[in-house]
Protein backbone atom coordinates (compact mmCIF):
# COMPACT_ATOMS: atom_id res chain seq x y z
CA MET A 1 91.76 117.21 66.14
CA GLY A 2 92.28 113.76 67.69
CA ASP A 3 90.80 112.94 71.07
CA THR A 4 94.20 112.20 72.57
CA VAL A 5 95.59 115.53 71.36
CA GLN A 6 92.65 117.42 72.92
CA ILE A 7 93.13 115.62 76.21
CA MET A 8 96.83 116.42 76.13
CA ILE A 9 96.17 120.13 75.40
CA THR A 10 93.84 120.40 78.39
CA MET A 11 96.36 118.74 80.68
CA VAL A 12 99.23 120.92 79.40
CA ILE A 13 97.17 124.04 80.14
CA TYR A 14 96.55 122.74 83.63
CA MET A 15 100.21 121.92 84.22
CA ALA A 16 101.17 125.42 82.97
CA ALA A 17 98.79 126.93 85.55
CA VAL A 18 100.43 124.89 88.31
CA ILE A 19 103.90 125.99 87.22
CA GLY A 20 102.63 129.58 87.12
CA ILE A 21 101.64 129.34 90.78
CA GLY A 22 105.11 128.06 91.63
CA VAL A 23 106.76 130.97 89.82
CA ALA A 24 104.41 133.48 91.46
CA PHE A 25 105.41 132.32 94.93
CA ALA A 26 109.07 131.68 94.19
CA ARG A 27 110.36 135.07 95.36
CA ARG A 28 108.63 134.91 98.72
CA ALA A 29 109.50 131.24 99.19
CA ASN A 30 113.21 131.99 98.94
CA LYS A 31 113.24 134.76 101.56
CA SER A 32 113.96 132.33 104.37
CA SER A 33 113.73 128.65 105.27
CA GLU A 34 110.61 129.39 107.37
CA ASP A 35 108.89 130.86 104.32
CA TYR A 36 110.06 127.97 102.14
CA PHE A 37 109.08 125.16 104.52
CA LEU A 38 106.07 126.63 106.39
CA GLY A 39 104.93 129.68 104.41
CA GLY A 40 105.62 132.06 107.31
CA ARG A 41 102.56 130.72 109.19
CA SER A 42 100.28 132.73 106.90
CA LEU A 43 97.72 130.28 105.51
CA GLY A 44 94.03 131.15 105.65
CA PRO A 45 91.35 128.65 106.75
CA TRP A 46 90.21 127.62 103.25
CA VAL A 47 93.73 127.07 101.92
CA THR A 48 94.70 125.26 105.13
CA ALA A 49 91.77 122.85 104.91
CA MET A 50 91.76 122.17 101.18
CA SER A 51 95.54 121.89 100.81
CA ALA A 52 95.75 119.54 103.81
CA GLU A 53 93.19 117.17 102.34
CA ALA A 54 94.48 117.36 98.75
CA SER A 55 98.03 116.60 99.84
CA ASP A 56 96.73 113.82 102.08
CA MET A 57 94.51 112.00 99.60
CA SER A 58 96.87 111.87 96.59
CA GLY A 59 96.26 109.86 93.43
CA TRP A 60 95.04 106.86 95.40
CA LEU A 61 91.73 108.66 96.00
CA LEU A 62 90.99 108.70 92.26
CA MET A 63 92.74 105.46 91.33
CA GLY A 64 93.53 103.28 94.34
CA LEU A 65 90.22 103.45 96.23
CA PRO A 66 87.95 103.06 93.15
CA GLY A 67 90.23 100.21 92.06
CA VAL A 68 89.65 98.31 95.31
CA ALA A 69 85.87 98.74 94.98
CA TYR A 70 85.94 97.64 91.31
CA TRP A 71 88.00 94.54 92.07
CA CYS A 72 86.34 93.01 95.14
CA GLY A 73 83.36 95.18 96.11
CA ILE A 74 82.67 97.92 98.58
CA ALA A 75 83.58 96.36 101.94
CA ASP A 76 87.33 97.02 102.03
CA ALA A 77 86.99 100.40 100.33
CA ALA A 78 84.00 101.54 102.39
CA TRP A 79 85.38 100.60 105.82
CA THR A 80 88.67 102.27 104.89
CA ALA A 81 86.75 105.40 103.85
CA ILE A 82 84.76 105.39 107.09
CA GLY A 83 87.97 105.18 109.11
CA LEU A 84 89.53 108.02 107.13
CA ALA A 85 86.47 110.25 107.53
CA ILE A 86 86.38 109.72 111.29
CA GLY A 87 90.16 110.19 111.57
CA THR A 88 90.02 113.43 109.59
CA TYR A 89 87.38 114.97 111.83
CA VAL A 90 88.90 113.88 115.14
CA ASN A 91 92.40 114.99 114.12
CA TRP A 92 91.20 118.49 113.23
CA LEU A 93 89.06 118.58 116.37
CA ILE A 94 91.61 117.63 119.03
CA THR A 95 95.06 118.04 117.50
CA SER A 96 95.07 121.13 115.31
CA LYS A 97 94.71 124.01 117.78
CA ARG A 98 97.06 122.65 120.41
CA LEU A 99 99.73 121.77 117.84
CA ARG A 100 99.51 125.27 116.28
CA ARG A 101 100.02 126.78 119.72
CA TYR A 102 102.65 124.31 120.94
CA SER A 103 104.80 124.45 117.78
CA GLU A 104 105.15 128.20 118.17
CA LYS A 105 105.82 127.92 121.90
CA ALA A 106 108.44 125.20 121.33
CA GLY A 107 111.07 127.38 119.72
CA ASN A 108 108.86 128.34 116.75
CA ALA A 109 109.37 124.89 115.21
CA ILE A 110 108.81 124.78 111.45
CA THR A 111 109.20 121.02 110.84
CA LEU A 112 107.76 118.03 112.65
CA PRO A 113 111.14 116.62 113.82
CA GLU A 114 112.06 120.08 115.09
CA PHE A 115 108.80 120.29 117.03
CA PHE A 116 109.35 116.94 118.75
CA SER A 117 112.95 117.82 119.56
CA ASN A 118 112.03 121.23 120.98
CA ARG A 119 109.05 119.79 122.84
CA PHE A 120 111.43 117.61 124.88
CA HIS A 121 114.16 120.31 125.17
CA GLU A 122 116.78 118.18 123.45
CA LYS A 123 120.41 119.20 123.28
CA ASN A 124 121.88 116.27 121.35
CA LYS A 125 118.97 116.07 118.82
CA VAL A 126 118.40 112.31 119.01
CA ILE A 127 114.62 112.63 118.58
CA MET A 128 115.10 115.02 115.69
CA THR A 129 117.45 112.62 113.92
CA ILE A 130 115.21 109.56 114.39
CA ALA A 131 112.13 111.48 113.23
CA ALA A 132 113.93 112.84 110.17
CA PHE A 133 115.19 109.35 109.32
CA PHE A 134 111.70 107.82 109.37
CA ILE A 135 110.32 110.75 107.35
CA LEU A 136 112.93 110.17 104.67
CA ILE A 137 112.10 106.45 104.49
CA PHE A 138 108.32 106.64 104.41
CA PHE A 139 108.04 109.74 102.24
CA THR A 140 110.29 108.17 99.64
CA VAL A 141 107.83 105.25 99.54
CA TYR A 142 104.91 107.69 99.43
CA ALA A 143 106.48 109.65 96.58
CA ALA A 144 106.94 106.38 94.70
CA SER A 145 103.18 105.74 94.88
CA CYS A 146 102.59 109.13 93.27
CA LEU A 147 105.03 108.35 90.48
CA VAL A 148 103.27 105.03 89.84
CA THR A 149 100.06 107.05 89.48
CA CYS A 150 101.70 109.39 86.95
CA GLY A 151 103.12 106.48 84.98
CA LYS A 152 99.80 104.61 84.83
CA LEU A 153 97.91 107.78 83.89
CA PHE A 154 100.16 108.84 81.02
CA SER A 155 100.81 105.34 79.66
CA THR A 156 97.07 104.50 79.66
CA LEU A 157 96.06 107.79 78.08
CA PHE A 158 98.68 108.07 75.38
CA GLY A 159 99.57 104.43 74.76
CA LEU A 160 103.22 105.01 75.66
CA ASP A 161 105.58 102.92 77.76
CA TYR A 162 105.06 103.13 81.52
CA ILE A 163 108.64 103.85 82.65
CA PRO A 164 109.36 106.92 80.44
CA MET A 165 105.96 108.38 81.37
CA MET A 166 106.60 107.81 85.07
CA ILE A 167 109.97 109.58 84.82
CA VAL A 168 108.37 112.55 82.98
CA GLY A 169 105.89 112.89 85.85
CA ALA A 170 108.71 112.75 88.37
CA ILE A 171 110.65 115.51 86.61
CA PHE A 172 107.58 117.77 86.48
CA VAL A 173 106.85 117.36 90.18
CA LEU A 174 110.51 117.87 91.10
CA VAL A 175 110.86 121.10 89.12
CA TYR A 176 107.63 122.47 90.54
CA THR A 177 108.58 121.71 94.15
CA ILE A 178 112.07 123.21 93.79
CA ILE A 179 110.66 126.44 92.38
CA GLY A 180 107.94 127.32 94.83
CA GLY A 181 108.20 125.72 98.26
CA PHE A 182 105.40 125.44 100.81
CA LEU A 183 103.34 128.48 99.82
CA ALA A 184 103.21 127.48 96.16
CA GLU A 185 102.44 123.92 97.21
CA SER A 186 99.58 125.02 99.49
CA ALA A 187 98.11 127.49 97.00
CA SER A 188 98.15 124.96 94.16
CA ASP A 189 96.83 122.26 96.48
CA PHE A 190 93.81 124.49 97.17
CA MET A 191 93.13 124.67 93.43
CA GLN A 192 93.81 120.97 93.03
CA ALA A 193 91.40 120.02 95.82
CA ILE A 194 88.66 121.78 93.85
CA VAL A 195 89.68 120.04 90.62
CA MET A 196 89.73 116.64 92.36
CA ILE A 197 86.24 116.87 93.86
CA VAL A 198 84.73 118.29 90.65
CA ALA A 199 86.35 115.47 88.64
CA LEU A 200 84.99 112.83 91.02
CA ILE A 201 81.45 114.21 90.90
CA VAL A 202 81.46 114.60 87.10
CA ILE A 203 82.55 110.99 86.61
CA VAL A 204 80.13 109.45 89.10
CA VAL A 205 77.15 111.39 87.73
CA THR A 206 78.03 110.70 84.07
CA GLY A 207 78.83 107.05 84.73
CA THR A 208 75.63 106.43 86.70
CA ALA A 209 73.57 107.97 83.91
CA ALA A 210 75.35 105.88 81.27
CA ALA A 211 74.71 102.71 83.28
CA GLY A 212 70.96 103.34 83.30
CA GLY A 213 70.62 105.11 86.61
CA LEU A 214 71.35 104.48 90.26
CA GLY A 215 69.00 101.50 90.47
CA ALA A 216 70.72 99.70 87.61
CA VAL A 217 74.15 100.22 89.17
CA ILE A 218 73.02 98.87 92.55
CA ASP A 219 71.17 95.92 90.99
CA ASN A 220 74.29 94.91 89.08
CA ALA A 221 76.44 95.20 92.20
CA LYS A 222 74.00 93.07 94.18
CA SER A 223 74.05 90.38 91.49
CA ILE A 224 77.74 89.71 92.24
CA PRO A 225 78.13 87.58 95.42
CA GLY A 226 79.50 89.73 98.24
CA PHE A 227 80.14 92.79 96.03
CA PHE A 228 77.62 95.20 97.54
CA GLU A 229 77.90 94.14 101.18
CA PHE A 230 79.54 95.74 104.18
CA PHE A 231 80.20 92.33 105.73
CA GLY A 232 81.05 90.33 102.62
CA VAL A 233 83.77 90.35 99.97
CA ALA A 234 83.52 89.40 96.30
CA THR A 235 86.17 86.90 95.16
CA PRO A 236 87.20 87.22 91.50
CA VAL A 237 88.11 83.86 89.92
CA THR A 238 91.70 84.33 88.77
CA VAL A 239 94.40 82.43 86.94
CA ASP A 240 97.89 83.84 87.49
CA GLY A 241 96.30 86.98 88.90
CA VAL A 242 94.02 87.55 85.88
CA GLN A 243 90.27 87.41 86.41
CA GLN A 244 88.49 84.93 84.16
CA ALA A 245 85.51 85.89 81.99
CA ALA A 246 82.94 83.78 80.16
CA ASN A 247 80.75 85.20 77.38
CA GLY A 248 81.62 88.72 78.47
CA VAL A 249 80.73 88.05 82.11
CA PRO A 250 83.43 88.32 84.82
CA GLN A 251 83.67 85.20 86.95
CA PHE A 252 83.32 85.37 90.72
CA GLY A 253 83.43 82.62 93.32
CA GLN A 254 81.35 82.42 96.48
CA ALA A 255 81.39 85.51 98.64
CA GLU A 256 83.73 85.47 101.60
CA SER A 257 82.56 86.75 104.97
CA TYR A 258 83.95 90.03 106.19
CA SER A 259 84.93 89.63 109.81
CA LEU A 260 84.77 92.14 112.62
CA LEU A 261 88.57 91.92 112.73
CA SER A 262 88.79 92.98 109.07
CA MET A 263 86.42 95.87 109.71
CA VAL A 264 88.43 97.13 112.68
CA SER A 265 91.64 96.67 110.69
CA ASN A 266 90.41 98.93 107.87
CA VAL A 267 88.76 101.51 110.12
CA ALA A 268 92.19 101.77 111.77
CA TRP A 269 93.30 103.77 108.71
CA GLY A 270 91.88 106.75 110.59
CA LEU A 271 94.61 106.47 113.23
CA GLY A 272 97.14 107.43 110.59
CA TYR A 273 96.04 111.05 110.56
CA PHE A 274 97.56 111.79 113.95
CA GLY A 275 101.04 111.15 112.53
CA MET A 276 100.68 112.46 108.98
CA PRO A 277 103.29 115.24 108.50
CA GLN A 278 101.65 116.78 105.42
CA VAL A 279 98.44 117.37 107.42
CA LEU A 280 100.08 118.31 110.72
CA LEU A 281 102.21 120.94 108.99
CA ARG A 282 99.04 122.71 107.83
CA PHE A 283 97.94 122.97 111.46
CA MET A 284 101.28 124.61 112.24
CA ALA A 285 101.11 126.94 109.22
CA ILE A 286 97.67 128.54 109.64
CA ARG A 287 97.85 132.22 110.54
CA SER A 288 95.62 131.88 113.62
CA GLU A 289 94.46 128.90 115.67
CA HIS A 290 91.03 130.53 115.90
CA GLU A 291 90.47 129.86 112.20
CA LEU A 292 90.95 126.12 112.60
CA THR A 293 87.28 125.51 113.47
CA ARG A 294 86.24 126.72 110.02
CA SER A 295 89.05 124.70 108.45
CA ARG A 296 87.82 121.57 110.24
CA ARG A 297 84.32 121.93 108.81
CA ILE A 298 85.60 122.55 105.28
CA ALA A 299 88.02 119.62 105.44
CA THR A 300 85.46 117.18 106.83
CA VAL A 301 82.82 117.98 104.20
CA TRP A 302 85.41 117.68 101.39
CA VAL A 303 86.68 114.33 102.68
CA ILE A 304 83.26 112.73 103.16
CA ILE A 305 82.02 113.72 99.69
CA SER A 306 85.28 112.66 98.00
CA LEU A 307 85.51 109.28 99.72
CA VAL A 308 81.88 108.30 99.12
CA VAL A 309 82.07 109.25 95.45
CA ALA A 310 85.45 107.52 94.95
CA VAL A 311 84.13 104.21 96.31
CA PHE A 312 80.97 104.42 94.19
CA ILE A 313 83.00 105.07 91.03
CA GLY A 314 84.42 101.56 91.39
CA VAL A 315 80.88 100.15 91.57
CA VAL A 316 79.79 102.16 88.50
CA GLY A 317 82.87 101.01 86.59
CA ARG A 318 82.13 97.34 87.27
CA THR A 319 78.61 97.88 85.89
CA LEU A 320 79.68 99.62 82.67
CA TYR A 321 82.91 97.75 81.93
CA PRO A 322 82.72 94.44 83.79
CA THR A 323 85.58 92.72 81.94
CA ALA A 324 87.77 95.64 80.90
CA LEU A 325 90.15 95.50 83.87
CA LEU A 326 91.11 91.96 84.80
CA THR A 327 93.92 92.36 87.35
CA SER A 328 93.98 94.18 90.69
CA SER A 329 96.62 96.54 89.28
CA ASP A 330 94.63 97.31 86.11
CA ALA A 331 91.49 97.87 88.22
CA GLU A 332 93.07 101.10 89.44
CA ASN A 333 92.56 102.52 85.94
CA VAL A 334 88.75 102.47 86.27
CA PHE A 335 88.55 106.25 86.73
CA ILE A 336 90.60 106.81 83.56
CA LEU A 337 88.49 104.29 81.64
CA LEU A 338 85.24 106.03 82.59
CA ALA A 339 86.57 109.49 81.80
CA THR A 340 87.99 108.69 78.39
CA ASN A 341 84.94 106.67 77.27
CA LEU A 342 82.13 108.82 78.61
CA LEU A 343 83.30 112.42 78.32
CA PRO A 344 84.15 114.75 75.41
CA PRO A 345 87.95 114.92 74.98
CA LEU A 346 88.42 118.42 76.42
CA LEU A 347 86.33 117.60 79.49
CA ALA A 348 88.08 114.25 79.81
CA GLY A 349 91.36 116.14 79.81
CA PHE A 350 90.11 118.28 82.67
CA VAL A 351 89.07 115.18 84.62
CA MET A 352 92.45 113.56 83.92
CA ALA A 353 93.97 116.74 85.30
CA GLY A 354 92.12 115.78 88.50
CA ILE A 355 94.31 112.69 88.79
CA LEU A 356 97.37 114.76 87.99
CA ALA A 357 96.20 117.30 90.58
CA ALA A 358 95.90 114.63 93.24
CA THR A 359 99.32 113.25 92.42
CA ILE A 360 101.11 116.60 92.33
CA SER A 361 99.40 117.86 95.47
CA SER A 362 100.72 114.90 97.39
CA SER A 363 104.12 114.30 95.86
CA ASP A 364 105.22 117.92 96.23
CA SER A 365 104.23 117.77 99.90
CA TYR A 366 106.09 114.52 100.42
CA LEU A 367 109.24 115.71 98.69
CA LEU A 368 109.27 119.05 100.48
CA ILE A 369 108.78 117.57 103.94
CA ALA A 370 111.40 114.89 103.34
CA ALA A 371 113.86 117.50 102.06
CA SER A 372 113.23 119.72 105.08
CA ALA A 373 113.77 116.73 107.40
CA PHE A 374 117.26 116.26 106.03
CA SER A 375 118.38 119.83 105.34
CA LYS A 376 116.87 121.51 108.40
CA ASN A 377 116.98 118.73 110.96
CA ILE A 378 120.04 116.67 110.02
CA PHE A 379 122.30 118.96 107.99
CA GLN A 380 121.71 122.12 110.06
CA GLY A 381 120.51 120.48 113.28
CA LEU A 382 123.42 118.04 113.63
CA PHE A 383 126.33 118.72 111.31
CA HIS A 384 126.36 122.42 110.49
CA LYS A 385 124.53 124.35 113.18
CA LYS A 386 125.71 127.70 111.81
CA ALA A 387 124.50 126.99 108.28
CA THR A 388 122.87 129.96 106.59
CA ASP A 389 119.35 129.88 105.17
CA LYS A 390 120.85 129.87 101.68
CA GLN A 391 122.92 126.78 102.49
CA VAL A 392 119.89 125.02 104.01
CA LEU A 393 117.82 125.74 100.89
CA THR A 394 120.62 124.50 98.63
CA VAL A 395 120.94 121.25 100.58
CA SER A 396 117.16 120.79 100.54
CA ARG A 397 117.12 120.98 96.75
CA ILE A 398 119.94 118.47 96.44
CA THR A 399 117.99 116.22 98.80
CA LEU A 400 114.93 116.57 96.58
CA LEU A 401 116.94 115.20 93.67
CA VAL A 402 118.16 112.20 95.66
CA ILE A 403 114.72 111.34 97.07
CA THR A 404 113.12 111.62 93.66
CA ALA A 405 115.74 109.27 92.19
CA ALA A 406 115.05 106.73 94.95
CA ALA A 407 111.28 107.03 94.43
CA ILE A 408 111.74 106.44 90.69
CA ILE A 409 113.62 103.19 91.43
CA ILE A 410 110.81 101.97 93.71
CA ALA A 411 108.19 102.93 91.09
CA LEU A 412 109.82 101.05 88.20
CA ASP A 413 107.41 98.10 88.49
CA GLU A 414 104.35 99.02 86.43
CA ASN A 415 102.36 96.23 88.10
CA SER A 416 102.62 98.00 91.46
CA VAL A 417 99.28 98.49 93.20
CA ILE A 418 99.02 102.12 94.34
CA PHE A 419 96.72 101.27 97.23
CA THR A 420 99.24 98.76 98.64
CA ILE A 421 102.17 101.18 98.47
CA VAL A 422 100.17 103.97 100.10
CA SER A 423 98.86 101.71 102.87
CA PHE A 424 102.39 100.81 103.96
CA ALA A 425 103.65 104.40 104.05
CA TRP A 426 100.44 105.52 105.78
CA ALA A 427 100.95 102.90 108.48
CA GLY A 428 104.57 103.99 108.85
CA PHE A 429 103.71 107.59 109.62
CA GLY A 430 100.67 106.76 111.70
CA ALA A 431 102.54 104.39 113.99
CA THR A 432 105.82 106.33 114.16
CA PHE A 433 104.41 109.78 114.90
CA GLY A 434 100.70 109.37 115.77
CA PRO A 435 101.00 108.11 119.36
CA LEU A 436 103.91 110.48 120.03
CA MET A 437 101.94 113.46 118.71
CA LEU A 438 98.84 112.72 120.79
CA LEU A 439 100.73 112.02 124.01
CA SER A 440 103.08 114.98 123.49
CA LEU A 441 100.09 117.30 123.24
CA PHE A 442 97.90 115.80 125.96
CA TRP A 443 100.03 113.88 128.50
CA LYS A 444 102.20 115.91 130.82
CA ARG A 445 104.20 112.93 132.11
CA ILE A 446 105.65 111.87 128.75
CA ASN A 447 109.43 112.29 128.66
CA ARG A 448 112.23 112.13 126.12
CA ALA A 449 113.01 108.44 126.71
CA GLY A 450 109.36 107.53 126.17
CA ALA A 451 109.25 109.59 122.98
CA ILE A 452 112.27 107.77 121.53
CA ALA A 453 110.90 104.37 122.53
CA GLY A 454 107.53 105.15 120.96
CA MET A 455 108.94 106.34 117.63
CA VAL A 456 111.35 103.47 117.21
CA SER A 457 108.92 100.73 118.30
CA GLY A 458 106.10 102.07 116.12
CA GLY A 459 108.25 102.49 113.00
CA VAL A 460 110.00 99.14 113.35
CA MET A 461 106.78 97.25 114.11
CA VAL A 462 105.25 98.42 110.82
CA PHE A 463 108.00 96.55 108.97
CA VAL A 464 107.89 93.52 111.28
CA TRP A 465 104.11 93.13 111.10
CA ASN A 466 103.88 93.73 107.35
CA LEU A 467 106.75 91.45 106.35
CA LEU A 468 106.78 88.72 109.01
CA ILE A 469 103.53 88.51 110.97
CA ARG A 470 100.72 89.50 108.60
CA PRO A 471 101.69 86.89 105.96
CA LEU A 472 100.83 84.19 108.57
CA GLY A 473 97.16 84.95 107.81
CA GLY A 474 94.16 84.21 110.00
CA VAL A 475 93.92 86.41 113.09
CA TRP A 476 97.31 87.89 112.21
CA ASP A 477 96.04 89.36 108.94
CA ILE A 478 95.53 92.82 110.43
CA TYR A 479 96.55 96.08 108.80
CA GLU A 480 99.94 96.83 110.34
CA LEU A 481 98.97 100.32 111.47
CA LEU A 482 96.72 99.07 114.28
CA PRO A 483 99.16 96.79 116.16
CA ALA A 484 102.10 99.12 115.55
CA PHE A 485 100.10 102.12 116.83
CA LEU A 486 99.09 100.26 120.01
CA ILE A 487 102.63 99.00 120.65
CA SER A 488 104.01 102.53 120.21
CA CYS A 489 101.48 103.88 122.74
CA LEU A 490 102.37 101.14 125.20
CA CYS A 491 106.11 101.76 124.88
CA ILE A 492 105.72 105.52 125.37
CA VAL A 493 103.66 105.08 128.53
CA VAL A 494 105.73 102.28 130.08
CA VAL A 495 109.15 103.83 129.37
CA SER A 496 108.01 107.29 130.50
CA LEU A 497 106.72 105.92 133.80
CA LEU A 498 109.86 103.84 134.41
CA THR A 499 112.22 106.76 133.83
CA ALA A 500 112.64 110.21 135.35
CA PRO A 501 109.75 112.67 134.89
CA PRO A 502 110.19 115.62 132.52
CA SER A 503 111.89 118.72 133.86
CA GLN A 504 109.96 121.45 135.66
CA GLU A 505 110.63 123.77 132.76
CA MET A 506 109.11 121.29 130.32
CA GLN A 507 106.08 120.77 132.55
CA LYS A 508 105.60 124.51 132.89
CA GLU A 509 105.67 124.91 129.12
CA PHE A 510 103.08 122.14 128.78
CA ASP A 511 100.78 123.86 131.29
CA GLU A 512 101.12 127.20 129.49
CA VAL A 513 100.18 125.63 126.16
CA ARG A 514 97.23 123.84 127.73
CA ALA A 515 96.05 127.09 129.28
CA GLY A 516 96.54 129.01 126.04
CA ILE A 517 99.12 131.40 127.52
């Protein structure tokens, strides 16, 4: 039996298991919109932690992050990983319990826009509409990054055209999400988190052994100027974006220094967690806030191991296959290259399922949250307040179709860099919702006007900084999340202080949540 056929069989078995989970949870998911969108607040600590991290990391953990390390060394990838690890821990530590408590107190909110709207006792649902709008925009971009991952995976493995393979991946994810809802998504994400971390460890151990051991990998990395430095960056010599090679040796120029500004810019990735709906929803969905301490420990350990291994896979790949991937886009296939060349076909298929796991675990989360933003918060919240649960679920599934179609259009370019797409969407959520979430939970004086100002300024500044300011280079070349996050915080505080304080009822509710009443 051919290697490709064996790999395909393993992946089909895996995909059948995922579909089976969706079918198993379908009946319960369709009982009500709360069950479909939030699982009836019934998640245990292990499922909460693992599904949150699996849905958060997505295919970029196995393709995007190793690709960055393979292309230009560990600095960018490592500082990003450090920021993400810190952000994960702090978010679980300070946000999770209070959000679980507050979301139930605020009208038993089951979506993020609904929570913000209820938190500020809205009647005309302006906050809800703005929040839902930004969720639709950024999750469509996020979903596109997952489809790019699917397309690259299938086209690389089976030698088929990128676009048809990307569309096949989109159809699979769409069908799965429509069937099962949040419970199926969370249960499969738990399984997929295990598959992802096992796949990462298998590849890094096998690859290191094949390269001659840890010492050989590090020696090779150190031989490339700036490659194995925290404050230096390797610079591939390229012509039209393609790295040049001479006698089988990849060509690099002089190392560039890695400034403190660049370090802070990449560590700022951690700020994104405070506004990430797919993670925040898990906080809201756990069955008891008292189980969140255990979830925090599980999530932090999983994230640290996964990020460290993912970065090192890029270093191992550059040692074993120094000239195999000669563009920044192709570099994101280093995980696939290692798996298919070093592992027996059936085991390689399992490892490839790790990439598929990462992609599915994220894209189903993104699609479901975006669909809930429209159907629950715009359709029912604004236009059809008396809509039945059945009507809301029907609209959500139609929305899923539309969002998937839009994501497919964005993902049509096979030269897209997954890491770049994800970084933009990550900044969008972090800046739009992060400051608002933190100040809503911990600052009594924040009011509705400040909340609106913060969301709009943060979301808009992500576009402005990315498209207009960052291209200026120099001191302006900062990851857009950091300036947009700070501007959002400033707008919330200034506008809240310049306008009327929140009502006594709102302040009383805040005090009760803080006191745990």
